[in-house]
C-alpha atoms as a PDB file:
ATOM      1  CA  ASN A   1      19.917 173.952  -0.701  1.00  0.00           C
ATOM      2  CA  SER A   2      19.539 171.280  -3.278  1.00  0.00           C
ATOM      3  CA  LYS A   3      21.599 171.510  -6.414  1.00  0.00           C
ATOM      4  CA  GLY A   4      20.736 170.301  -9.824  1.00  0.00           C
ATOM      5  CA  TYR A   5      22.772 169.202 -12.760  1.00  0.00           C
ATOM      6  CA  GLN A   6      25.738 171.525 -13.616  1.00  0.00           C
ATOM      7  CA  ASN A   7      25.226 174.068 -10.918  1.00  0.00           C
ATOM      8  CA  PHE A   8      21.510 174.319 -11.575  1.00  0.00           C
ATOM      9  CA  LYS A   9      19.738 175.330  -8.460  1.00  0.00           C
ATOM     10  CA  GLY A  10      17.317 172.787  -7.353  1.00  0.00           C
ATOM     11  CA  PHE A  11      13.798 173.271  -6.168  1.00  0.00           C
ATOM     12  CA  GLY A  12      14.396 172.032  -2.644  1.00  0.00           C
ATOM     13  CA  TRP A  13      12.539 168.873  -3.302  1.00  0.00           C
ATOM     14  CA  ALA A  14      13.386 165.390  -2.166  1.00  0.00           C
ATOM     15  CA  ILE A  15      12.133 162.228  -3.806  1.00  0.00           C
ATOM     16  CA  LEU A  16      11.837 159.068  -1.823  1.00  0.00           C
ATOM     17  CA  VAL A  17      11.389 155.834  -3.770  1.00  0.00           C
ATOM     18  CA  MET A  18      10.339 152.688  -2.005  1.00  0.00           C
ATOM     19  CA  ARG A  19      10.827 149.406  -3.720  1.00  0.00           C
ATOM     20  CA  ASN A  20      10.517 145.777  -2.674  1.00  0.00           C
ATOM     21  CA  THR A  21      14.013 144.218  -2.022  1.00  0.00           C
ATOM     22  CA  GLU A  22      13.287 141.162  -4.134  1.00  0.00           C
ATOM     23  CA  GLU A  23      12.168 143.366  -6.989  1.00  0.00           C
ATOM     24  CA  ALA A  24      15.151 145.709  -6.625  1.00  0.00           C
ATOM     25  CA  PHE A  25      17.728 142.889  -6.606  1.00  0.00           C
ATOM     26  CA  ALA A  26      15.973 140.682  -9.147  1.00  0.00           C
ATOM     27  CA  PRO A  27      18.319 141.695 -12.028  1.00  0.00           C
ATOM     28  CA  LEU A  28      21.368 140.951  -9.856  1.00  0.00           C
ATOM     29  CA  ASP A  29      19.906 137.618  -8.727  1.00  0.00           C
ATOM     30  CA  ASN A  30      19.196 136.739 -12.352  1.00  0.00           C
ATOM     31  CA  LEU A  31      22.757 137.681 -13.363  1.00  0.00           C
ATOM     32  CA  ARG A  32      24.191 135.631 -10.469  1.00  0.00           C
ATOM     33  CA  ASN A  33      22.108 132.595 -11.455  1.00  0.00           C
ATOM     34  CA  GLN A  34      23.199 132.904 -15.087  1.00  0.00           C
ATOM     35  CA  PHE A  35      26.843 133.166 -13.984  1.00  0.00           C
ATOM     36  CA  ILE A  36      26.533 130.042 -11.795  1.00  0.00           C
ATOM     37  CA  GLY A  37      24.817 128.141 -14.613  1.00  0.00           C
ATOM     38  CA  ILE A  38      27.451 129.103 -17.160  1.00  0.00           C
ATOM     39  CA  THR A  39      30.275 128.313 -14.698  1.00  0.00           C
ATOM     40  CA  LEU A  40      28.822 124.880 -13.927  1.00  0.00           C
ATOM     41  CA  SER A  41      28.304 124.163 -17.624  1.00  0.00           C
ATOM     42  CA  VAL A  42      31.896 125.105 -18.456  1.00  0.00           C
ATOM     43  CA  ALA A  43      33.201 123.062 -15.488  1.00  0.00           C
ATOM     44  CA  CYS A  44      31.210 119.999 -16.627  1.00  0.00           C
ATOM     45  CA  PHE A  45      32.487 120.422 -20.177  1.00  0.00           C
ATOM     46  CA  VAL A  46      36.106 120.747 -18.979  1.00  0.00           C
ATOM     47  CA  LEU A  47      35.728 117.659 -16.772  1.00  0.00           C
ATOM     48  CA  PHE A  48      34.249 115.670 -19.654  1.00  0.00           C
ATOM     49  CA  LEU A  49      37.024 116.828 -21.973  1.00  0.00           C
ATOM     50  CA  ALA A  50      39.706 115.965 -19.376  1.00  0.00           C
ATOM     51  CA  PHE A  51      38.184 112.506 -18.881  1.00  0.00           C
ATOM     52  CA  PHE A  52      38.034 111.906 -22.634  1.00  0.00           C
ATOM     53  CA  ILE A  53      41.657 112.966 -23.163  1.00  0.00           C
ATOM     54  CA  SER A  54      42.980 111.019 -20.163  1.00  0.00           C
ATOM     55  CA  TYR A  55      41.048 107.917 -21.234  1.00  0.00           C
ATOM     56  CA  GLY A  56      42.652 108.074 -24.680  1.00  0.00           C
ATOM     57  CA  ILE A  57      46.126 108.461 -23.191  1.00  0.00           C
ATOM     58  CA  THR A  58      45.732 105.716 -20.598  1.00  0.00           C
ATOM     59  CA  LYS A  59      44.188 103.364 -23.160  1.00  0.00           C
ATOM     60  CA  SER A  60      47.275 103.703 -25.348  1.00  0.00           C
ATOM     61  CA  ILE A  61      49.607 103.267 -22.376  1.00  0.00           C
ATOM     62  CA  ARG A  62      47.714 100.173 -21.199  1.00  0.00           C
ATOM     63  CA  LYS A  63      48.073  98.756 -24.713  1.00  0.00           C
ATOM     64  CA  LEU A  64      51.835  99.403 -24.615  1.00  0.00           C
ATOM     65  CA  ILE A  65      52.106  97.695 -21.220  1.00  0.00           C
ATOM     66  CA  HIS A  66      50.087  94.670 -22.334  1.00  0.00           C
ATOM     67  CA  ILE A  67      52.137  94.107 -25.482  1.00  0.00           C
ATOM     68  CA  SER A  68      55.471  94.762 -23.751  1.00  0.00           C
ATOM     69  CA  ARG A  69      54.618  92.039 -21.223  1.00  0.00           C
ATOM     70  CA  ALA A  70      53.866  89.622 -24.073  1.00  0.00           C
ATOM     71  CA  ILE A  71      57.212  90.475 -25.656  1.00  0.00           C
ATOM     72  CA  ALA A  72      58.965  90.017 -22.298  1.00  0.00           C
ATOM     73  CA  ARG A  73      57.522  86.486 -22.261  1.00  0.00           C
ATOM     74  CA  GLY A  74      59.232  85.894 -25.624  1.00  0.00           C
ATOM     75  CA  ASP A  75      56.410  86.594 -28.072  1.00  0.00           C
ATOM     76  CA  LEU A  76      58.247  88.754 -30.614  1.00  0.00           C
ATOM     77  CA  SER A  77      55.347  88.654 -33.085  1.00  0.00           C
ATOM     78  CA  GLN A  78      53.568  91.469 -31.255  1.00  0.00           C
ATOM     79  CA  ILE A  79      53.150  94.828 -33.003  1.00  0.00           C
ATOM     80  CA  ILE A  80      51.709  97.902 -31.346  1.00  0.00           C
ATOM     81  CA  GLU A  81      49.125  99.733 -33.452  1.00  0.00           C
ATOM     82  CA  ILE A  82      48.575 103.210 -31.974  1.00  0.00           C
ATOM     83  CA  ARG A  83      47.450 106.149 -34.109  1.00  0.00           C
ATOM     84  CA  THR A  84      47.290 109.178 -31.845  1.00  0.00           C
ATOM     85  CA  SER A  85      49.571 111.611 -33.722  1.00  0.00           C
ATOM     86  CA  ASP A  86      51.492 112.414 -30.563  1.00  0.00           C
ATOM     87  CA  GLU A  87      54.425 111.243 -28.454  1.00  0.00           C
ATOM     88  CA  ILE A  88      52.670 107.996 -27.576  1.00  0.00           C
ATOM     89  CA  GLU A  89      52.480 107.064 -31.254  1.00  0.00           C
ATOM     90  CA  GLU A  90      56.198 107.894 -31.583  1.00  0.00           C
ATOM     91  CA  LEU A  91      56.897 105.689 -28.566  1.00  0.00           C
ATOM     92  CA  ALA A  92      54.906 102.830 -30.122  1.00  0.00           C
ATOM     93  CA  GLU A  93      56.824 103.184 -33.403  1.00  0.00           C
ATOM     94  CA  ALA A  94      60.154 103.157 -31.545  1.00  0.00           C
ATOM     95  CA  PHE A  95      58.970 100.134 -29.586  1.00  0.00           C
ATOM     96  CA  ASN A  96      58.005  98.306 -32.795  1.00  0.00           C
ATOM     97  CA  SER A  97      61.398  99.120 -34.292  1.00  0.00           C
ATOM     98  CA  MET A  98      63.117  97.805 -31.165  1.00  0.00           C
ATOM     99  CA  VAL A  99      61.099  94.564 -31.317  1.00  0.00           C
ATOM    100  CA  LYS A 100      61.959  94.135 -35.006  1.00  0.00           C
ATOM    101  CA  ASP A 101      65.673  94.568 -34.237  1.00  0.00           C
ATOM    102  CA  LEU A 102      65.374  92.199 -31.278  1.00  0.00           C
ATOM    103  CA  LYS A 103      63.690  89.609 -33.471  1.00  0.00           C
ATOM    104  CA  ILE A 104      66.500  89.823 -36.049  1.00  0.00           C
ATOM    105  CA  SER A 105      69.160  89.625 -33.328  1.00  0.00           C
ATOM    106  CA  THR A 106      67.445  86.635 -31.712  1.00  0.00           C
ATOM    107  CA  GLU A 107      67.244  84.795 -35.020  1.00  0.00           C
ATOM    108  CA  GLN A 108      70.923  85.504 -35.706  1.00  0.00           C
ATOM    109  CA  LEU A 109      71.856  84.355 -32.219  1.00  0.00           C
ATOM    110  CA  LYS A 110      69.925  81.107 -32.699  1.00  0.00           C
ATOM    111  CA  LEU A 111      71.766  80.470 -35.971  1.00  0.00           C
ATOM    112  CA  GLU A 112      75.119  81.134 -34.314  1.00  0.00           C
ATOM    113  CA  GLU A 113      74.205  78.864 -31.414  1.00  0.00           C
ATOM    114  CA  LYS A 114      73.214  76.116 -33.846  1.00  0.00           C
ATOM    115  CA  LYS A 115      76.594  76.454 -35.595  1.00  0.00           C
ATOM    116  CA  PHE A 116      78.401  76.429 -32.259  1.00  0.00           C
ATOM    117  CA  ARG A 117      76.545  73.332 -31.077  1.00  0.00           C
ATOM    118  CA  GLY A 118      77.314  71.643 -34.399  1.00  0.00           C
ATOM    119  CA  ILE A 119      81.021  72.350 -33.959  1.00  0.00           C
ATOM    120  CA  LEU A 120      80.969  71.053 -30.378  1.00  0.00           C
ATOM    121  CA  GLU A 121      78.936  68.013 -31.304  1.00  0.00           C
ATOM    122  CA  GLY A 122      81.346  67.121 -34.086  1.00  0.00           C
ATOM    123  CA  ALA A 123      84.460  67.539 -31.912  1.00  0.00           C
ATOM    124  CA  PRO A 124      86.545  64.375 -31.514  1.00  0.00           C
ATOM    125  CA  ASN A 125      86.995  65.022 -27.779  1.00  0.00           C
ATOM    126  CA  ALA A 126      84.490  65.056 -24.904  1.00  0.00           C
ATOM    127  CA  MET A 127      83.096  68.581 -24.369  1.00  0.00           C
ATOM    128  CA  VAL A 128      81.255  69.702 -21.238  1.00  0.00           C
ATOM    129  CA  ILE A 129      79.891  73.247 -20.747  1.00  0.00           C
ATOM    130  CA  THR A 130      78.693  74.442 -17.354  1.00  0.00           C
ATOM    131  CA  ASP A 131      76.979  77.550 -16.079  1.00  0.00           C
ATOM    132  CA  SER A 132      78.495  79.839 -13.436  1.00  0.00           C
ATOM    133  CA  LYS A 133      77.275  77.524 -10.656  1.00  0.00           C
ATOM    134  CA  GLY A 134      78.966  74.477 -12.129  1.00  0.00           C
ATOM    135  CA  ASN A 135      75.791  72.862 -13.478  1.00  0.00           C
ATOM    136  CA  ILE A 136      76.120  71.082 -16.813  1.00  0.00           C
ATOM    137  CA  VAL A 137      74.276  72.881 -19.639  1.00  0.00           C
ATOM    138  CA  PHE A 138      75.782  71.048 -22.636  1.00  0.00           C
ATOM    139  CA  ILE A 139      77.600  67.809 -23.414  1.00  0.00           C
ATOM    140  CA  ASN A 140      78.510  66.298 -26.752  1.00  0.00           C
ATOM    141  CA  ALA A 141      78.245  62.716 -27.992  1.00  0.00           C
ATOM    142  CA  GLN A 142      81.895  62.001 -27.084  1.00  0.00           C
ATOM    143  CA  THR A 143      81.101  62.858 -23.435  1.00  0.00           C
ATOM    144  CA  GLU A 144      78.282  60.330 -23.464  1.00  0.00           C
ATOM    145  CA  LYS A 145      80.632  57.661 -24.865  1.00  0.00           C
ATOM    146  CA  LEU A 146      83.504  58.472 -22.494  1.00  0.00           C
ATOM    147  CA  PHE A 147      81.510  58.598 -19.248  1.00  0.00           C
ATOM    148  CA  GLY A 148      78.637  56.265 -20.111  1.00  0.00           C
ATOM    149  CA  TYR A 149      75.886  58.741 -19.195  1.00  0.00           C
ATOM    150  CA  THR A 150      73.098  60.084 -21.422  1.00  0.00           C
ATOM    151  CA  ARG A 151      72.509  63.790 -21.905  1.00  0.00           C
ATOM    152  CA  GLU A 152      69.344  63.546 -19.843  1.00  0.00           C
ATOM    153  CA  ASP A 153      71.378  62.014 -16.986  1.00  0.00           C
ATOM    154  CA  LEU A 154      73.902  64.882 -16.934  1.00  0.00           C
ATOM    155  CA  LEU A 155      72.117  68.087 -17.978  1.00  0.00           C
ATOM    156  CA  GLY A 156      71.442  70.237 -14.928  1.00  0.00           C
ATOM    157  CA  LYS A 157      73.734  68.128 -12.680  1.00  0.00           C
ATOM    158  CA  SER A 158      76.930  69.396 -11.062  1.00  0.00           C
ATOM    159  CA  VAL A 159      80.059  68.863 -13.162  1.00  0.00           C
ATOM    160  CA  GLU A 160      81.612  67.159 -10.161  1.00  0.00           C
ATOM    161  CA  VAL A 161      79.499  64.024 -10.844  1.00  0.00           C
ATOM    162  CA  LEU A 162      81.966  63.270 -13.636  1.00  0.00           C
ATOM    163  CA  MET A 163      84.924  63.225 -11.208  1.00  0.00           C
ATOM    164  CA  PRO A 164      86.120  60.594  -8.802  1.00  0.00           C
ATOM    165  CA  GLU A 165      84.688  61.146  -5.313  1.00  0.00           C
ATOM    166  CA  ARG A 166      88.073  62.007  -3.766  1.00  0.00           C
ATOM    167  CA  PHE A 167      88.537  65.051  -6.111  1.00  0.00           C
ATOM    168  CA  ARG A 168      85.032  66.544  -5.937  1.00  0.00           C
ATOM    169  CA  ALA A 169      85.350  68.767  -2.853  1.00  0.00           C
ATOM    170  CA  LYS A 170      88.681  70.202  -3.963  1.00  0.00           C
ATOM    171  CA  HIS A 171      87.338  70.808  -7.490  1.00  0.00           C
ATOM    172  CA  ILE A 172      84.394  72.806  -6.120  1.00  0.00           C
ATOM    173  CA  GLY A 173      86.901  75.138  -4.441  1.00  0.00           C
ATOM    174  CA  HIS A 174      88.958  75.436  -7.631  1.00  0.00           C
ATOM    175  CA  ARG A 175      85.844  76.118  -9.703  1.00  0.00           C
ATOM    176  CA  MET A 176      84.562  78.796  -7.300  1.00  0.00           C
ATOM    177  CA  ASN A 177      87.984  80.441  -7.194  1.00  0.00           C
ATOM    178  CA  TYR A 178      88.157  80.434 -10.997  1.00  0.00           C
ATOM    179  CA  SER A 179      84.662  81.928 -11.262  1.00  0.00           C
ATOM    180  CA  ALA A 180      85.679  84.720  -8.876  1.00  0.00           C
ATOM    181  CA  ASN A 181      89.026  85.344 -10.640  1.00  0.00           C
ATOM    182  CA  PRO A 182      88.949  84.036 -14.215  1.00  0.00           C
END
């Protein structure tokens, strides 16, 4: 009852082939081993590439952090040199532009402060400037003459030291009220 190819009647034969399992599956084992090797090679390459890229990114970010801390301490001479042709380079350029503008603004502010101090120093009357807590931050020469104290004696002290003892407590209340409601 055997059939051959395209309805060809067979001869009634049966062929039994015996083969060693290792020998029979050797091509599949070889293919599996090649697949594992290629997969591991690609995974190692991807990991190396990811490490290389992340190192480049984090190196640039660490550089930005380091220089921004120096600028925060007042060193406006810092310039960030990053050439990565990506967003980090754009960030560095924007940062450099910001520092340049800050440097110009700081220099202008110092000039204006110098002018202001010159005007106060040349005033014919005693001038005392305090911070929000009532501590003296500036006095002019007329203040020194009027009260008999040096700048070093008064700077950082409470403005109430310039008042008679009997008015000090009340003045503190007035000053605090003024600071709360100018």
